[in-house]
Amino acid sequence: MSIEQWWKLLDADMRRWLVRNPGCAVLPRTVVNAINRVSPGGGLLSADAHGECSLSPRDREFIRGQAHTSDVTGA
């Protein structure tokens, strides 16, 4: 499932973290857990043995786009 499909489910703090770290190719366990907590059914992202999740190039491009077009980074 693409990040574009679940972006609006994330709270402002999680979106802010993602746009402040647009080059992150692997999401840390704490971020994966936070995303899965807000997802319907609790499992948007599948994690590896370390609890991390790799983002696709398309997802990273989407996050970079959000960083340039959004005020989610706030003051």
Protein backbone atom coordinates (compact mmCIF):
# COMPACT_ATOMS: atom_id res chain seq x y z
CA MET A 1 0.00 0.00 0.00
CA SER A 2 1.35 3.39 -1.01
CA ILE A 3 2.01 6.15 1.50
CA GLU A 4 -0.31 8.39 -0.51
CA GLN A 5 -3.19 6.14 0.53
CA TRP A 6 -2.57 6.43 4.28
CA TRP A 7 -0.90 9.84 4.61
CA LYS A 8 -4.07 11.52 5.94
CA LEU A 9 -4.42 8.88 8.67
CA LEU A 10 -1.19 10.07 10.27
CA ASP A 11 -1.22 12.67 12.99
CA ALA A 12 0.62 15.96 12.47
CA ASP A 13 3.65 14.86 14.49
CA MET A 14 4.19 11.77 12.35
CA ARG A 15 3.75 13.69 9.07
CA ARG A 16 6.15 16.33 10.40
CA TRP A 17 8.77 13.66 11.21
CA LEU A 18 8.46 12.17 7.73
CA VAL A 19 8.81 15.49 5.88
CA ARG A 20 11.73 16.51 8.09
CA ASN A 21 13.44 13.22 7.14
CA PRO A 22 12.61 12.99 3.42
CA GLY A 23 15.71 10.99 2.54
CA CYS A 24 14.92 8.21 5.00
CA ALA A 25 14.77 4.97 3.02
CA VAL A 26 14.14 2.75 6.06
CA LEU A 27 11.62 3.75 8.71
CA PRO A 28 12.73 3.04 12.27
CA ARG A 29 10.71 0.68 14.46
CA THR A 30 9.16 3.52 16.51
CA VAL A 31 7.84 5.19 13.34
CA VAL A 32 6.53 1.90 11.94
CA ASN A 33 4.74 1.23 15.23
CA ALA A 34 3.21 4.72 15.31
CA ILE A 35 1.95 4.36 11.74
CA ASN A 36 0.51 0.92 12.39
CA ARG A 37 -1.26 2.17 15.54
CA VAL A 38 -3.35 4.62 13.49
CA SER A 39 -4.00 2.25 10.60
CA PRO A 40 -7.30 0.42 10.24
CA GLY A 41 -6.61 -3.13 11.35
CA GLY A 42 -3.21 -2.07 12.71
CA GLY A 43 -0.97 -3.30 9.93
CA LEU A 44 -0.37 -0.87 7.10
CA LEU A 45 3.35 -1.49 7.13
CA SER A 46 5.04 -4.83 7.33
CA ALA A 47 8.24 -4.74 9.30
CA ASP A 48 11.43 -6.75 8.99
CA ALA A 49 12.99 -8.75 11.83
CA HIS A 50 14.23 -5.49 13.39
CA GLY A 51 10.82 -3.80 13.25
CA GLU A 52 11.90 -1.50 10.43
CA CYS A 53 10.24 -0.93 7.07
CA SER A 54 11.80 0.08 3.76
CA LEU A 55 10.09 2.82 1.79
CA SER A 56 9.75 2.48 -1.95
CA PRO A 57 11.28 5.13 -4.22
CA ARG A 58 7.73 6.28 -5.01
CA ASP A 59 6.95 6.72 -1.29
CA ARG A 60 10.15 8.70 -0.75
CA GLU A 61 9.28 10.91 -3.71
CA PHE A 62 5.82 11.51 -2.24
CA ILE A 63 7.33 12.52 1.12
CA ARG A 64 9.76 14.91 -0.58
CA GLY A 65 6.81 16.42 -2.45
CA GLN A 66 4.92 16.89 0.81
CA ALA A 67 7.96 18.58 2.31
CA HIS A 68 7.95 21.12 -0.55
CA THR A 69 4.21 21.75 -0.83
CA SER A 70 2.95 21.44 2.72
CA ASP A 71 3.11 23.53 5.85
CA VAL A 72 3.14 20.36 7.95
CA THR A 73 6.65 21.18 9.17
CA GLY A 74 5.14 24.02 11.17
CA ALA A 75 6.99 26.54 13.23
